[in-house]
């Protein structure tokens, strides 16, 4: 699936940095290539074009529909022809959890405005959990992203054996955190160019960096992204794991 012009400029900057190219100061400040670079790139590659969906067909162009789903499964069929077994097909996804539960609705007598519920505090701290599960049901230990400046090992006290984590101010997955997740995934699954694995992901920008793409290429990880805005229908972890788990967690 296509990438945005902003993602393209971001990848160009990362690649230039990796190759130790001298770049304009503005690139270093914004962490992305300039618009003039993008214009020149498009002129040099006439087989590419920048497309803007019509406003009237925005939902059709960017959401769950037959064209996007057929295109996705066409890509899947190409990979299936390689003969990679189901145990080597993984879906990775992340979701945010708060340390304060969000309880379900409570049945009470009409007219009562406040219903008490025991929780661990007024406002929770968001922690991101990233999982990878295979088509045969096996999984790797979870990866956690904590909302802290520095990661401490005791953050993982009580976590499943083999869990790892990192930290940033927001607690959401970032480019750097996903690089660490990919290394964690590779360490546990042991892919290689001779024994490839397939990894299904959504097309969040943190999943697409030069370092991640290089890790995948060098270690035999075939990455397939779901069509934009289709995870709620197509992504197994989104539909079958995180949804039920959050309902259980908050009950």
C-alpha atoms as a PDB file:
ATOM      1  CA  UNK A   1       0.000   0.000   0.000  1.00  0.00           C
ATOM      2  CA  UNK A   2       1.195   3.517  -0.740  1.00  0.00           C
ATOM      3  CA  UNK A   3       2.860   5.784   1.771  1.00  0.00           C
ATOM      4  CA  UNK A   4       2.241   9.464   2.404  1.00  0.00           C
ATOM      5  CA  UNK A   5       4.555  12.180   1.110  1.00  0.00           C
ATOM      6  CA  UNK A   6       5.496  12.973   4.716  1.00  0.00           C
ATOM      7  CA  UNK A   7       6.496   9.364   5.386  1.00  0.00           C
ATOM      8  CA  UNK A   8       8.489   9.380   2.136  1.00  0.00           C
ATOM      9  CA  UNK A   9      10.403  12.488   3.213  1.00  0.00           C
ATOM     10  CA  UNK A  10      11.015  10.971   6.644  1.00  0.00           C
ATOM     11  CA  UNK A  11      12.399   7.756   5.129  1.00  0.00           C
ATOM     12  CA  UNK A  12      14.617   9.756   2.766  1.00  0.00           C
ATOM     13  CA  UNK A  13      16.149  11.626   5.712  1.00  0.00           C
ATOM     14  CA  UNK A  14      16.718   8.379   7.628  1.00  0.00           C
ATOM     15  CA  UNK A  15      18.371   6.772   4.615  1.00  0.00           C
ATOM     16  CA  UNK A  16      20.612   9.804   4.032  1.00  0.00           C
ATOM     17  CA  UNK A  17      21.637   9.723   7.694  1.00  0.00           C
ATOM     18  CA  UNK A  18      22.345   6.000   7.516  1.00  0.00           C
ATOM     19  CA  UNK A  19      24.554   6.513   4.459  1.00  0.00           C
ATOM     20  CA  UNK A  20      26.300   9.446   6.205  1.00  0.00           C
ATOM     21  CA  UNK A  21      25.294  11.906   3.479  1.00  0.00           C
ATOM     22  CA  UNK A  22      25.603  15.637   4.076  1.00  0.00           C
ATOM     23  CA  UNK A  23      22.071  17.040   4.344  1.00  0.00           C
ATOM     24  CA  UNK A  24      20.684  20.584   4.719  1.00  0.00           C
ATOM     25  CA  UNK A  25      20.283  21.864   8.266  1.00  0.00           C
ATOM     26  CA  UNK A  26      16.513  22.076   7.787  1.00  0.00           C
ATOM     27  CA  UNK A  27      16.422  18.308   7.201  1.00  0.00           C
ATOM     28  CA  UNK A  28      18.201  17.683  10.499  1.00  0.00           C
ATOM     29  CA  UNK A  29      15.887  20.035  12.376  1.00  0.00           C
ATOM     30  CA  UNK A  30      12.664  18.533  10.992  1.00  0.00           C
ATOM     31  CA  UNK A  31      13.984  14.945  10.714  1.00  0.00           C
ATOM     32  CA  UNK A  32      12.691  14.746   7.146  1.00  0.00           C
ATOM     33  CA  UNK A  33      13.734  15.697   3.622  1.00  0.00           C
ATOM     34  CA  UNK A  34      12.497  18.961   2.136  1.00  0.00           C
ATOM     35  CA  UNK A  35       9.643  19.456  -0.306  1.00  0.00           C
ATOM     36  CA  UNK A  36      12.139  20.381  -3.027  1.00  0.00           C
ATOM     37  CA  UNK A  37      13.806  16.977  -2.635  1.00  0.00           C
ATOM     38  CA  UNK A  38      10.423  15.278  -3.010  1.00  0.00           C
ATOM     39  CA  UNK A  39       9.686  17.274  -6.171  1.00  0.00           C
ATOM     40  CA  UNK A  40      13.031  16.252  -7.667  1.00  0.00           C
ATOM     41  CA  UNK A  41      12.505  12.628  -6.659  1.00  0.00           C
ATOM     42  CA  UNK A  42       9.102  12.530  -8.367  1.00  0.00           C
ATOM     43  CA  UNK A  43      10.599  14.062 -11.537  1.00  0.00           C
ATOM     44  CA  UNK A  44      13.283  11.370 -11.594  1.00  0.00           C
ATOM     45  CA  UNK A  45      10.756   8.570 -11.090  1.00  0.00           C
ATOM     46  CA  UNK A  46       8.046   9.183 -13.644  1.00  0.00           C
ATOM     47  CA  UNK A  47       6.415   5.820 -12.875  1.00  0.00           C
ATOM     48  CA  UNK A  48       5.289   7.241  -9.514  1.00  0.00           C
ATOM     49  CA  UNK A  49       2.562   9.775  -8.896  1.00  0.00           C
ATOM     50  CA  UNK A  50       1.048  11.619  -5.954  1.00  0.00           C
ATOM     51  CA  UNK A  51      -2.634  10.879  -5.698  1.00  0.00           C
ATOM     52  CA  UNK A  52      -5.244  12.673  -3.651  1.00  0.00           C
ATOM     53  CA  UNK A  53      -8.576  10.893  -3.202  1.00  0.00           C
ATOM     54  CA  UNK A  54     -11.652  12.927  -4.067  1.00  0.00           C
ATOM     55  CA  UNK A  55     -13.508  14.163  -0.996  1.00  0.00           C
ATOM     56  CA  UNK A  56     -16.679  12.390  -2.128  1.00  0.00           C
ATOM     57  CA  UNK A  57     -14.891   9.052  -2.313  1.00  0.00           C
ATOM     58  CA  UNK A  58     -12.636   9.416   0.751  1.00  0.00           C
ATOM     59  CA  UNK A  59     -14.261   6.578   2.665  1.00  0.00           C
ATOM     60  CA  UNK A  60     -14.111   4.311  -0.394  1.00  0.00           C
ATOM     61  CA  UNK A  61     -10.436   5.107  -1.008  1.00  0.00           C
ATOM     62  CA  UNK A  62      -9.207   4.768   2.568  1.00  0.00           C
ATOM     63  CA  UNK A  63     -11.398   2.226   4.312  1.00  0.00           C
ATOM     64  CA  UNK A  64     -12.714  -1.320   4.274  1.00  0.00           C
ATOM     65  CA  UNK A  65     -13.973  -2.120   0.778  1.00  0.00           C
ATOM     66  CA  UNK A  66     -13.712  -4.847  -1.847  1.00  0.00           C
ATOM     67  CA  UNK A  67     -10.944  -3.180  -3.861  1.00  0.00           C
ATOM     68  CA  UNK A  68      -8.634  -2.654  -0.869  1.00  0.00           C
ATOM     69  CA  UNK A  69      -9.324  -6.087   0.603  1.00  0.00           C
ATOM     70  CA  UNK A  70      -8.801  -7.857  -2.747  1.00  0.00           C
ATOM     71  CA  UNK A  71      -5.514  -5.998  -3.221  1.00  0.00           C
ATOM     72  CA  UNK A  72      -4.385  -7.026   0.259  1.00  0.00           C
ATOM     73  CA  UNK A  73      -5.166 -10.700  -0.295  1.00  0.00           C
ATOM     74  CA  UNK A  74      -3.482 -10.617  -3.703  1.00  0.00           C
ATOM     75  CA  UNK A  75      -0.295  -9.650  -1.851  1.00  0.00           C
ATOM     76  CA  UNK A  76      -0.887 -12.435   0.667  1.00  0.00           C
ATOM     77  CA  UNK A  77      -1.255 -15.007  -2.125  1.00  0.00           C
ATOM     78  CA  UNK A  78       2.107 -13.980  -3.578  1.00  0.00           C
ATOM     79  CA  UNK A  79       3.742 -14.672  -0.203  1.00  0.00           C
ATOM     80  CA  UNK A  80       1.838 -17.945   0.271  1.00  0.00           C
ATOM     81  CA  UNK A  81       3.421 -19.240  -2.925  1.00  0.00           C
ATOM     82  CA  UNK A  82       6.767 -19.313  -1.091  1.00  0.00           C
ATOM     83  CA  UNK A  83       5.524 -22.220   1.031  1.00  0.00           C
ATOM     84  CA  UNK A  84       6.098 -20.580   4.422  1.00  0.00           C
ATOM     85  CA  UNK A  85       4.218 -22.682   7.049  1.00  0.00           C
ATOM     86  CA  UNK A  86       1.467 -21.137   9.260  1.00  0.00           C
ATOM     87  CA  UNK A  87       3.716 -21.370  12.316  1.00  0.00           C
ATOM     88  CA  UNK A  88       5.922 -18.744  10.636  1.00  0.00           C
ATOM     89  CA  UNK A  89       3.074 -16.274   9.939  1.00  0.00           C
ATOM     90  CA  UNK A  90       2.808 -13.636  12.680  1.00  0.00           C
ATOM     91  CA  UNK A  91       0.614 -10.653  13.412  1.00  0.00           C
ATOM     92  CA  UNK A  92       2.140  -7.874  15.536  1.00  0.00           C
ATOM     93  CA  UNK A  93       0.084  -5.080  17.036  1.00  0.00           C
ATOM     94  CA  UNK A  94       0.164  -2.740  19.988  1.00  0.00           C
ATOM     95  CA  UNK A  95      -2.494  -1.253  22.218  1.00  0.00           C
ATOM     96  CA  UNK A  96      -2.540   1.190  25.115  1.00  0.00           C
ATOM     97  CA  UNK A  97      -3.706   0.227  28.596  1.00  0.00           C
ATOM     98  CA  UNK A  98      -4.234   2.528  31.555  1.00  0.00           C
ATOM     99  CA  UNK A  99      -3.243   1.600  35.078  1.00  0.00           C
ATOM    100  CA  UNK A 100      -6.728   2.679  36.171  1.00  0.00           C
ATOM    101  CA  UNK A 101      -9.463   0.356  34.987  1.00  0.00           C
ATOM    102  CA  UNK A 102     -12.437   1.769  33.073  1.00  0.00           C
ATOM    103  CA  UNK A 103     -15.307  -0.183  34.669  1.00  0.00           C
ATOM    104  CA  UNK A 104     -18.348  -1.353  32.724  1.00  0.00           C
ATOM    105  CA  UNK A 105     -21.707   0.342  33.094  1.00  0.00           C
ATOM    106  CA  UNK A 106     -23.501  -0.260  36.391  1.00  0.00           C
ATOM    107  CA  UNK A 107     -27.246  -0.795  36.736  1.00  0.00           C
ATOM    108  CA  UNK A 108     -28.650   1.504  39.419  1.00  0.00           C
ATOM    109  CA  UNK A 109     -31.906   3.142  40.462  1.00  0.00           C
ATOM    110  CA  UNK A 110     -32.927   6.116  38.313  1.00  0.00           C
ATOM    111  CA  UNK A 111     -32.036   9.492  39.765  1.00  0.00           C
ATOM    112  CA  UNK A 112     -28.729   8.430  41.290  1.00  0.00           C
ATOM    113  CA  UNK A 113     -26.002  10.551  39.710  1.00  0.00           C
ATOM    114  CA  UNK A 114     -22.864   9.060  41.258  1.00  0.00           C
ATOM    115  CA  UNK A 115     -22.086   5.374  41.410  1.00  0.00           C
ATOM    116  CA  UNK A 116     -18.929   4.335  43.242  1.00  0.00           C
ATOM    117  CA  UNK A 117     -16.423   1.902  41.802  1.00  0.00           C
ATOM    118  CA  UNK A 118     -13.071   0.897  43.264  1.00  0.00           C
ATOM    119  CA  UNK A 119     -10.163   1.713  40.971  1.00  0.00           C
ATOM    120  CA  UNK A 120      -6.460   2.305  41.577  1.00  0.00           C
ATOM    121  CA  UNK A 121      -6.653   6.074  41.118  1.00  0.00           C
ATOM    122  CA  UNK A 122      -8.495   8.895  39.436  1.00  0.00           C
ATOM    123  CA  UNK A 123      -6.538   8.986  36.199  1.00  0.00           C
ATOM    124  CA  UNK A 124      -4.457   6.151  34.890  1.00  0.00           C
ATOM    125  CA  UNK A 125      -1.011   6.061  33.371  1.00  0.00           C
ATOM    126  CA  UNK A 126      -0.963   4.750  29.811  1.00  0.00           C
ATOM    127  CA  UNK A 127       1.311   1.801  29.037  1.00  0.00           C
ATOM    128  CA  UNK A 128       1.595   0.355  25.523  1.00  0.00           C
ATOM    129  CA  UNK A 129       1.768  -3.412  25.062  1.00  0.00           C
ATOM    130  CA  UNK A 130       3.004  -4.889  21.767  1.00  0.00           C
ATOM    131  CA  UNK A 131       2.333  -8.539  20.955  1.00  0.00           C
ATOM    132  CA  UNK A 132       3.237 -10.933  18.157  1.00  0.00           C
ATOM    133  CA  UNK A 133       1.161 -14.102  17.707  1.00  0.00           C
ATOM    134  CA  UNK A 134       1.467 -16.751  14.996  1.00  0.00           C
ATOM    135  CA  UNK A 135      -1.299 -18.324  12.903  1.00  0.00           C
ATOM    136  CA  UNK A 136      -0.929 -21.498  14.991  1.00  0.00           C
ATOM    137  CA  UNK A 137      -1.395 -19.606  18.273  1.00  0.00           C
ATOM    138  CA  UNK A 138       2.172 -19.382  19.526  1.00  0.00           C
ATOM    139  CA  UNK A 139       3.369 -16.017  20.802  1.00  0.00           C
ATOM    140  CA  UNK A 140       6.509 -14.239  21.884  1.00  0.00           C
ATOM    141  CA  UNK A 141       6.798 -12.504  25.282  1.00  0.00           C
ATOM    142  CA  UNK A 142       5.162  -9.061  25.239  1.00  0.00           C
ATOM    143  CA  UNK A 143       6.986  -5.790  24.682  1.00  0.00           C
ATOM    144  CA  UNK A 144       6.030  -2.824  26.918  1.00  0.00           C
ATOM    145  CA  UNK A 145       6.460   0.916  26.375  1.00  0.00           C
ATOM    146  CA  UNK A 146       6.283   2.913  29.617  1.00  0.00           C
ATOM    147  CA  UNK A 147       5.607   6.667  29.961  1.00  0.00           C
ATOM    148  CA  UNK A 148       8.937   7.498  31.567  1.00  0.00           C
ATOM    149  CA  UNK A 149      12.118   9.264  30.491  1.00  0.00           C
ATOM    150  CA  UNK A 150      14.304   6.279  31.417  1.00  0.00           C
ATOM    151  CA  UNK A 151      13.432   2.591  31.471  1.00  0.00           C
ATOM    152  CA  UNK A 152      14.054   0.624  34.677  1.00  0.00           C
ATOM    153  CA  UNK A 153      14.050  -3.170  34.847  1.00  0.00           C
ATOM    154  CA  UNK A 154      11.708  -3.184  37.850  1.00  0.00           C
ATOM    155  CA  UNK A 155       8.958  -1.839  35.581  1.00  0.00           C
ATOM    156  CA  UNK A 156       8.634  -5.449  34.398  1.00  0.00           C
ATOM    157  CA  UNK A 157       8.118  -6.981  37.847  1.00  0.00           C
ATOM    158  CA  UNK A 158       5.305  -9.512  37.498  1.00  0.00           C
ATOM    159  CA  UNK A 159       5.368  -9.471  33.685  1.00  0.00           C
ATOM    160  CA  UNK A 160       5.438 -12.750  31.709  1.00  0.00           C
ATOM    161  CA  UNK A 161       8.837 -14.428  31.529  1.00  0.00           C
ATOM    162  CA  UNK A 162      10.968 -12.990  28.737  1.00  0.00           C
ATOM    163  CA  UNK A 163       9.128  -9.665  28.558  1.00  0.00           C
ATOM    164  CA  UNK A 164      11.176  -6.614  27.617  1.00  0.00           C
ATOM    165  CA  UNK A 165      10.421  -2.920  27.463  1.00  0.00           C
ATOM    166  CA  UNK A 166      11.485   0.640  26.831  1.00  0.00           C
ATOM    167  CA  UNK A 167      10.329   4.100  27.822  1.00  0.00           C
ATOM    168  CA  UNK A 168       9.458   7.470  26.343  1.00  0.00           C
ATOM    169  CA  UNK A 169       7.541  10.479  27.635  1.00  0.00           C
ATOM    170  CA  UNK A 170       4.222   9.578  26.005  1.00  0.00           C
ATOM    171  CA  UNK A 171       4.121   5.829  26.551  1.00  0.00           C
ATOM    172  CA  UNK A 172       3.092   5.297  22.922  1.00  0.00           C
ATOM    173  CA  UNK A 173       5.075   3.293  20.379  1.00  0.00           C
ATOM    174  CA  UNK A 174       7.718   5.387  18.592  1.00  0.00           C
ATOM    175  CA  UNK A 175      10.167   4.650  15.759  1.00  0.00           C
ATOM    176  CA  UNK A 176      12.959   3.859  18.219  1.00  0.00           C
ATOM    177  CA  UNK A 177      10.750   1.645  20.369  1.00  0.00           C
ATOM    178  CA  UNK A 178       9.580  -0.355  17.366  1.00  0.00           C
ATOM    179  CA  UNK A 179      13.178  -0.977  16.311  1.00  0.00           C
ATOM    180  CA  UNK A 180      13.727  -2.527  19.747  1.00  0.00           C
ATOM    181  CA  UNK A 181      10.535  -4.557  19.360  1.00  0.00           C
ATOM    182  CA  UNK A 182      11.748  -5.877  15.994  1.00  0.00           C
ATOM    183  CA  UNK A 183      15.021  -6.982  17.580  1.00  0.00           C
ATOM    184  CA  UNK A 184      12.999  -8.679  20.341  1.00  0.00           C
ATOM    185  CA  UNK A 185      10.833 -10.386  17.702  1.00  0.00           C
ATOM    186  CA  UNK A 186      13.842 -11.586  15.710  1.00  0.00           C
ATOM    187  CA  UNK A 187      15.575 -12.875  18.843  1.00  0.00           C
ATOM    188  CA  UNK A 188      12.533 -14.973  19.801  1.00  0.00           C
ATOM    189  CA  UNK A 189      11.361 -16.193  16.381  1.00  0.00           C
ATOM    190  CA  UNK A 190      14.841 -16.721  14.854  1.00  0.00           C
ATOM    191  CA  UNK A 191      14.002 -15.919  11.228  1.00  0.00           C
ATOM    192  CA  UNK A 192      16.605 -16.041   8.472  1.00  0.00           C
ATOM    193  CA  UNK A 193      16.761 -15.613   4.725  1.00  0.00           C
ATOM    194  CA  UNK A 194      16.620 -19.410   4.455  1.00  0.00           C
ATOM    195  CA  UNK A 195      13.763 -19.723   6.975  1.00  0.00           C
ATOM    196  CA  UNK A 196      11.576 -16.662   6.450  1.00  0.00           C
ATOM    197  CA  UNK A 197       8.706 -15.458   8.607  1.00  0.00           C
ATOM    198  CA  UNK A 198       5.758 -13.303   7.578  1.00  0.00           C
ATOM    199  CA  UNK A 199       4.845 -10.348   9.796  1.00  0.00           C
ATOM    200  CA  UNK A 200       1.488  -8.607   9.405  1.00  0.00           C
ATOM    201  CA  UNK A 201       1.347  -5.012  10.685  1.00  0.00           C
ATOM    202  CA  UNK A 202      -0.823  -1.958  10.403  1.00  0.00           C
ATOM    203  CA  UNK A 203       0.728   0.922   8.467  1.00  0.00           C
ATOM    204  CA  UNK A 204       1.466   3.182  11.438  1.00  0.00           C
ATOM    205  CA  UNK A 205       4.425   5.456  10.744  1.00  0.00           C
ATOM    206  CA  UNK A 206       6.412   4.039  13.688  1.00  0.00           C
ATOM    207  CA  UNK A 207       6.472   0.663  11.904  1.00  0.00           C
ATOM    208  CA  UNK A 208       8.123   2.084   8.785  1.00  0.00           C
ATOM    209  CA  UNK A 209      11.656   3.318   9.343  1.00  0.00           C
ATOM    210  CA  UNK A 210      14.837   2.572   7.434  1.00  0.00           C
ATOM    211  CA  UNK A 211      16.268   0.714  10.434  1.00  0.00           C
ATOM    212  CA  UNK A 212      13.184  -1.509  10.757  1.00  0.00           C
ATOM    213  CA  UNK A 213      13.100  -2.221   7.015  1.00  0.00           C
ATOM    214  CA  UNK A 214      16.803  -3.120   7.061  1.00  0.00           C
ATOM    215  CA  UNK A 215      16.304  -5.431  10.048  1.00  0.00           C
ATOM    216  CA  UNK A 216      13.471  -7.172   8.228  1.00  0.00           C
ATOM    217  CA  UNK A 217      15.422  -7.506   4.984  1.00  0.00           C
ATOM    218  CA  UNK A 218      18.601  -8.773   6.644  1.00  0.00           C
ATOM    219  CA  UNK A 219      16.805 -11.335   8.823  1.00  0.00           C
ATOM    220  CA  UNK A 220      14.214 -12.833   6.491  1.00  0.00           C
ATOM    221  CA  UNK A 221      11.146 -11.033   7.856  1.00  0.00           C
ATOM    222  CA  UNK A 222       8.550 -10.454   5.128  1.00  0.00           C
ATOM    223  CA  UNK A 223       6.441  -7.471   6.206  1.00  0.00           C
ATOM    224  CA  UNK A 224       2.854  -7.074   4.960  1.00  0.00           C
ATOM    225  CA  UNK A 225       0.764  -4.061   5.973  1.00  0.00           C
ATOM    226  CA  UNK A 226      -3.005  -4.013   6.245  1.00  0.00           C
ATOM    227  CA  UNK A 227      -4.875  -1.469   4.100  1.00  0.00           C
ATOM    228  CA  UNK A 228      -5.375   1.915   5.841  1.00  0.00           C
ATOM    229  CA  UNK A 229      -8.289   2.049   8.302  1.00  0.00           C
ATOM    230  CA  UNK A 230      -8.987  -1.679   7.934  1.00  0.00           C
ATOM    231  CA  UNK A 231      -7.366  -3.049  11.096  1.00  0.00           C
ATOM    232  CA  UNK A 232     -10.727  -3.247  12.884  1.00  0.00           C
ATOM    233  CA  UNK A 233     -11.846  -5.764  10.243  1.00  0.00           C
ATOM    234  CA  UNK A 234      -8.677  -7.539   9.107  1.00  0.00           C
ATOM    235  CA  UNK A 235      -6.144  -7.549  11.934  1.00  0.00           C
ATOM    236  CA  UNK A 236      -6.458 -10.723  14.062  1.00  0.00           C
ATOM    237  CA  UNK A 237      -4.968  -9.218  17.234  1.00  0.00           C
ATOM    238  CA  UNK A 238      -7.219  -6.175  16.990  1.00  0.00           C
ATOM    239  CA  UNK A 239     -10.358  -8.289  16.616  1.00  0.00           C
ATOM    240  CA  UNK A 240      -9.645 -11.397  18.674  1.00  0.00           C
ATOM    241  CA  UNK A 241      -7.125 -10.494  21.386  1.00  0.00           C
ATOM    242  CA  UNK A 242      -6.996  -6.848  22.439  1.00  0.00           C
ATOM    243  CA  UNK A 243     -10.769  -6.297  22.364  1.00  0.00           C
ATOM    244  CA  UNK A 244     -11.685  -9.257  24.611  1.00  0.00           C
ATOM    245  CA  UNK A 245      -8.636  -8.678  26.818  1.00  0.00           C
ATOM    246  CA  UNK A 246      -9.575  -5.048  27.487  1.00  0.00           C
ATOM    247  CA  UNK A 247     -13.123  -6.083  28.391  1.00  0.00           C
ATOM    248  CA  UNK A 248     -11.708  -8.653  30.819  1.00  0.00           C
ATOM    249  CA  UNK A 249      -9.121  -6.195  32.163  1.00  0.00           C
ATOM    250  CA  UNK A 250     -11.763  -3.561  32.925  1.00  0.00           C
ATOM    251  CA  UNK A 251     -14.348  -5.942  34.377  1.00  0.00           C
END
